[in-house]
Amino acid sequence: MPILEKLLGKEVVLPARQIKSAEEFIRLFPEIKEVFIDGTERPVERSKNKEKQKKDYSGKKKRHTRKNITVSDEKRRILVLTKTEHGSKHDYTWLKESTIPEHLPVNTVVNVDLGFQGIKKDYPDIDIRIPHKKPRGRKLTNEQKEENRRLSSRRVIAEHAIGGIKRLRALSNTYRNKKEEFDDIIINIGCGVWNYHLKCS
């Protein structure tokens, strides 16, 4: 695994793990004007430790998981991958802690799903594309439904990018390895292999 990670690094296909400024983002990805942010979860073996069980438990699918936030481009390439976190952490909470939105160039279009409610309010200077949420006790207008369909057809790129990563079976099967931080290494390599596939195709 270390050899594979080193080779993927030499091919410059591993994702960035952190972005510290808009200038750094522009230097790394000068051609990128639109990104797709989404969370991805991987099932893990249920721990016998109750505290760890609680940390890993994800209400989304009622499973114990590990979680990452991905930033991809319209070619389905993974640009940025956050550190691996326990499944109980909410996608938007993890995104804010990663500080990724703060370091995106202001002219970048950002596509997200409803799991990132509140992002427009918290980051008013970014061009955020997020679906309309159905108001309680009311319905969406026809115009809002149509806009949601358009956004969904565009945002599916993020799902395809994550699906590409999970071609590596270690990222789709239940993770059982007990080695410290190996879950983070394996998803980083998965992103690198997927990006290398896109580079060569």
Protein backbone atom coordinates (compact mmCIF):
# COMPACT_ATOMS: atom_id res chain seq x y z
CA MET A 1 0.00 0.00 0.00
CA PRO A 2 2.75 2.56 0.76
CA ILE A 3 4.39 1.78 -2.61
CA LEU A 4 1.08 2.24 -4.45
CA GLU A 5 0.44 5.52 -2.61
CA LYS A 6 3.93 6.76 -3.53
CA LEU A 7 3.44 5.87 -7.21
CA LEU A 8 0.06 7.61 -7.34
CA GLY A 9 1.68 10.67 -5.76
CA LYS A 10 4.34 10.68 -8.49
CA GLU A 11 1.57 10.57 -11.11
CA VAL A 12 0.00 13.61 -9.38
CA VAL A 13 -3.41 11.93 -9.11
CA LEU A 14 -3.85 11.82 -5.34
CA PRO A 15 -6.40 14.37 -4.09
CA ALA A 16 -5.41 17.35 -1.95
CA ARG A 17 -6.15 16.63 1.72
CA GLN A 18 -6.57 20.24 2.78
CA ILE A 19 -6.88 23.64 1.11
CA LYS A 20 -5.43 26.54 3.10
CA SER A 21 -6.29 29.47 0.82
CA ALA A 22 -8.07 30.45 -2.39
CA GLU A 23 -4.64 31.11 -3.90
CA GLU A 24 -3.60 27.55 -3.17
CA PHE A 25 -6.80 26.21 -4.77
CA ILE A 26 -6.15 28.28 -7.92
CA ARG A 27 -2.52 27.10 -8.03
CA LEU A 28 -3.54 23.43 -7.74
CA PHE A 29 -6.63 23.60 -9.97
CA PRO A 30 -6.28 26.69 -12.23
CA GLU A 31 -8.92 25.53 -14.73
CA ILE A 32 -11.66 24.69 -12.20
CA LYS A 33 -14.68 27.03 -12.15
CA GLU A 34 -17.29 24.60 -10.78
CA VAL A 35 -17.08 21.99 -8.01
CA PHE A 36 -19.36 19.33 -6.53
CA ILE A 37 -19.23 18.75 -2.78
CA ASP A 38 -20.68 15.60 -1.25
CA GLY A 39 -20.21 13.26 1.68
CA THR A 40 -19.42 9.57 1.35
CA GLU A 41 -19.78 6.84 3.96
CA ARG A 42 -18.27 3.36 4.18
CA PRO A 43 -19.63 0.61 6.43
CA VAL A 44 -17.36 -0.57 9.24
CA GLU A 45 -17.55 -3.50 11.58
CA ARG A 46 -19.60 -2.71 14.69
CA SER A 47 -17.22 -2.19 17.59
CA LYS A 48 -17.70 -3.97 20.92
CA ASN A 49 -16.80 -0.72 22.66
CA LYS A 50 -20.02 1.23 23.36
CA GLU A 51 -18.39 4.64 23.08
CA LYS A 52 -16.87 3.77 19.71
CA GLN A 53 -20.21 2.31 18.59
CA LYS A 54 -21.84 5.65 19.33
CA LYS A 55 -19.17 7.57 17.39
CA ASP A 56 -19.42 5.30 14.35
CA TYR A 57 -23.22 5.06 14.25
CA SER A 58 -24.73 6.86 11.26
CA GLY A 59 -28.43 7.65 11.42
CA LYS A 60 -28.53 7.98 7.63
CA LYS A 61 -28.51 4.24 6.96
CA LYS A 62 -28.60 2.96 10.55
CA ARG A 63 -25.13 1.53 10.11
CA HIS A 64 -21.70 2.04 11.65
CA THR A 65 -19.58 3.95 9.16
CA ARG A 66 -16.55 6.10 8.38
CA LYS A 67 -17.12 9.36 6.57
CA ASN A 68 -15.28 11.74 4.23
CA ILE A 69 -16.21 14.88 2.31
CA THR A 70 -15.18 14.95 -1.34
CA VAL A 71 -14.78 17.87 -3.72
CA SER A 72 -14.95 16.80 -7.37
CA ASP A 73 -15.00 18.54 -10.75
CA GLU A 74 -17.27 18.10 -13.76
CA LYS A 75 -14.96 15.40 -15.12
CA ARG A 76 -15.65 13.35 -11.94
CA ARG A 77 -12.07 13.79 -10.71
CA ILE A 78 -11.64 13.96 -6.91
CA LEU A 79 -9.86 17.24 -6.19
CA VAL A 80 -10.01 17.35 -2.40
CA LEU A 81 -10.62 14.64 0.19
CA THR A 82 -11.03 15.43 3.89
CA LYS A 83 -9.54 13.29 6.63
CA THR A 84 -11.66 10.28 7.60
CA GLU A 85 -14.15 10.93 10.40
CA HIS A 86 -16.59 8.83 12.45
CA GLY A 87 -20.01 8.25 10.88
CA SER A 88 -21.96 10.12 13.56
CA LYS A 89 -20.60 13.49 12.41
CA HIS A 90 -22.99 15.41 10.14
CA ASP A 91 -21.80 16.15 6.59
CA TYR A 92 -22.21 19.91 6.92
CA THR A 93 -20.54 20.04 10.35
CA TRP A 94 -17.55 18.17 8.92
CA LEU A 95 -17.45 20.46 5.86
CA LYS A 96 -17.33 23.60 8.04
CA GLU A 97 -14.61 22.13 10.25
CA SER A 98 -12.56 21.31 7.14
CA THR A 99 -12.68 25.06 6.18
CA ILE A 100 -12.95 24.08 2.49
CA PRO A 101 -15.71 26.63 1.65
CA GLU A 102 -13.67 29.47 3.16
CA HIS A 103 -10.82 28.76 0.77
CA LEU A 104 -12.69 28.41 -2.52
CA PRO A 105 -12.25 31.26 -5.04
CA VAL A 106 -15.27 33.60 -5.02
CA ASN A 107 -16.06 32.94 -8.70
CA THR A 108 -16.35 29.16 -8.16
CA VAL A 109 -19.81 27.56 -8.55
CA VAL A 110 -20.45 25.09 -5.71
CA ASN A 111 -23.04 22.30 -6.11
CA VAL A 112 -24.33 20.58 -2.96
CA ASP A 113 -27.34 18.53 -1.86
CA LEU A 114 -29.85 19.16 0.95
CA GLY A 115 -27.47 17.58 3.47
CA PHE A 116 -25.68 20.95 3.49
CA GLN A 117 -28.62 23.10 4.61
CA GLY A 118 -27.43 26.48 5.86
CA ILE A 119 -24.41 26.75 3.57
CA LYS A 120 -25.86 29.72 1.64
CA LYS A 121 -26.40 31.67 4.85
CA ASP A 122 -22.96 30.82 6.26
CA TYR A 123 -21.06 31.52 3.02
CA PRO A 124 -22.94 34.34 1.23
CA ASP A 125 -19.96 35.25 -0.98
CA ILE A 126 -19.92 31.84 -2.72
CA ASP A 127 -22.17 30.93 -5.66
CA ILE A 128 -23.98 27.98 -4.02
CA ARG A 129 -26.35 25.75 -6.00
CA ILE A 130 -28.57 23.82 -3.56
CA PRO A 131 -32.07 22.35 -4.11
CA HIS A 132 -35.16 23.96 -2.61
CA LYS A 133 -36.31 22.26 0.57
CA LYS A 134 -40.03 21.48 0.84
CA PRO A 135 -41.55 23.84 3.43
CA ARG A 136 -43.36 22.15 6.31
CA GLY A 137 -47.07 21.85 5.55
CA ARG A 138 -46.68 23.35 2.07
CA LYS A 139 -45.60 22.29 -1.41
CA LEU A 140 -42.87 23.43 -3.71
CA THR A 141 -43.95 25.55 -6.67
CA ASN A 142 -43.67 24.11 -10.19
CA GLU A 143 -40.75 26.47 -10.83
CA GLN A 144 -38.94 25.21 -7.72
CA LYS A 145 -39.56 21.58 -8.70
CA GLU A 146 -38.19 22.23 -12.18
CA GLU A 147 -35.10 23.96 -10.75
CA ASN A 148 -34.57 21.01 -8.39
CA ARG A 149 -34.68 18.63 -11.36
CA ARG A 150 -32.07 20.70 -13.19
CA LEU A 151 -29.81 20.84 -10.15
CA SER A 152 -30.20 17.11 -9.54
CA SER A 153 -29.24 16.22 -13.11
CA ARG A 154 -26.11 18.34 -12.72
CA ARG A 155 -25.24 17.23 -9.19
CA VAL A 156 -25.32 13.53 -10.14
CA ILE A 157 -21.70 14.07 -11.24
CA ALA A 158 -20.69 13.94 -7.56
CA GLU A 159 -22.47 10.59 -7.15
CA HIS A 160 -20.66 9.20 -10.19
CA ALA A 161 -17.32 10.38 -8.80
CA ILE A 162 -17.96 8.66 -5.47
CA GLY A 163 -19.18 5.55 -7.31
CA GLY A 164 -15.87 5.54 -9.19
CA ILE A 165 -13.88 5.55 -5.94
CA LYS A 166 -15.91 2.64 -4.62
CA ARG A 167 -14.93 0.43 -7.53
CA LEU A 168 -12.14 -0.43 -5.11
CA ARG A 169 -13.89 -3.19 -3.18
CA ALA A 170 -12.18 -2.26 0.10
CA LEU A 171 -14.27 0.94 0.05
CA SER A 172 -17.62 -0.74 -0.59
CA ASN A 173 -17.32 -3.87 1.55
CA THR A 174 -17.55 -3.67 5.35
CA TYR A 175 -14.22 -2.40 6.67
CA ARG A 176 -12.69 -4.67 9.34
CA ASN A 177 -9.05 -3.61 9.51
CA LYS A 178 -7.92 -2.54 13.02
CA LYS A 179 -4.73 -0.74 11.94
CA GLU A 180 -4.69 2.91 13.05
CA GLU A 181 -5.58 5.39 10.26
CA PHE A 182 -5.48 2.66 7.59
CA ASP A 183 -9.11 3.54 6.71
CA ASP A 184 -7.87 7.01 5.72
CA ILE A 185 -4.99 5.61 3.66
CA ILE A 186 -7.26 3.24 1.73
CA ILE A 187 -9.75 5.92 0.63
CA ASN A 188 -6.92 8.25 -0.39
CA ILE A 189 -5.51 5.48 -2.58
CA GLY A 190 -9.01 4.73 -3.92
CA CYS A 191 -9.33 8.36 -5.03
CA GLY A 192 -5.87 8.23 -6.61
CA VAL A 193 -6.65 5.05 -8.55
CA TRP A 194 -9.94 6.57 -9.79
CA ASN A 195 -8.22 9.82 -10.82
CA TYR A 196 -5.50 7.81 -12.61
CA HIS A 197 -8.22 5.86 -14.47
CA LEU A 198 -9.78 9.14 -15.61
CA LYS A 199 -6.36 10.53 -16.60
CA CYS A 200 -5.65 7.50 -18.79
CA SER A 201 -9.08 7.17 -20.39
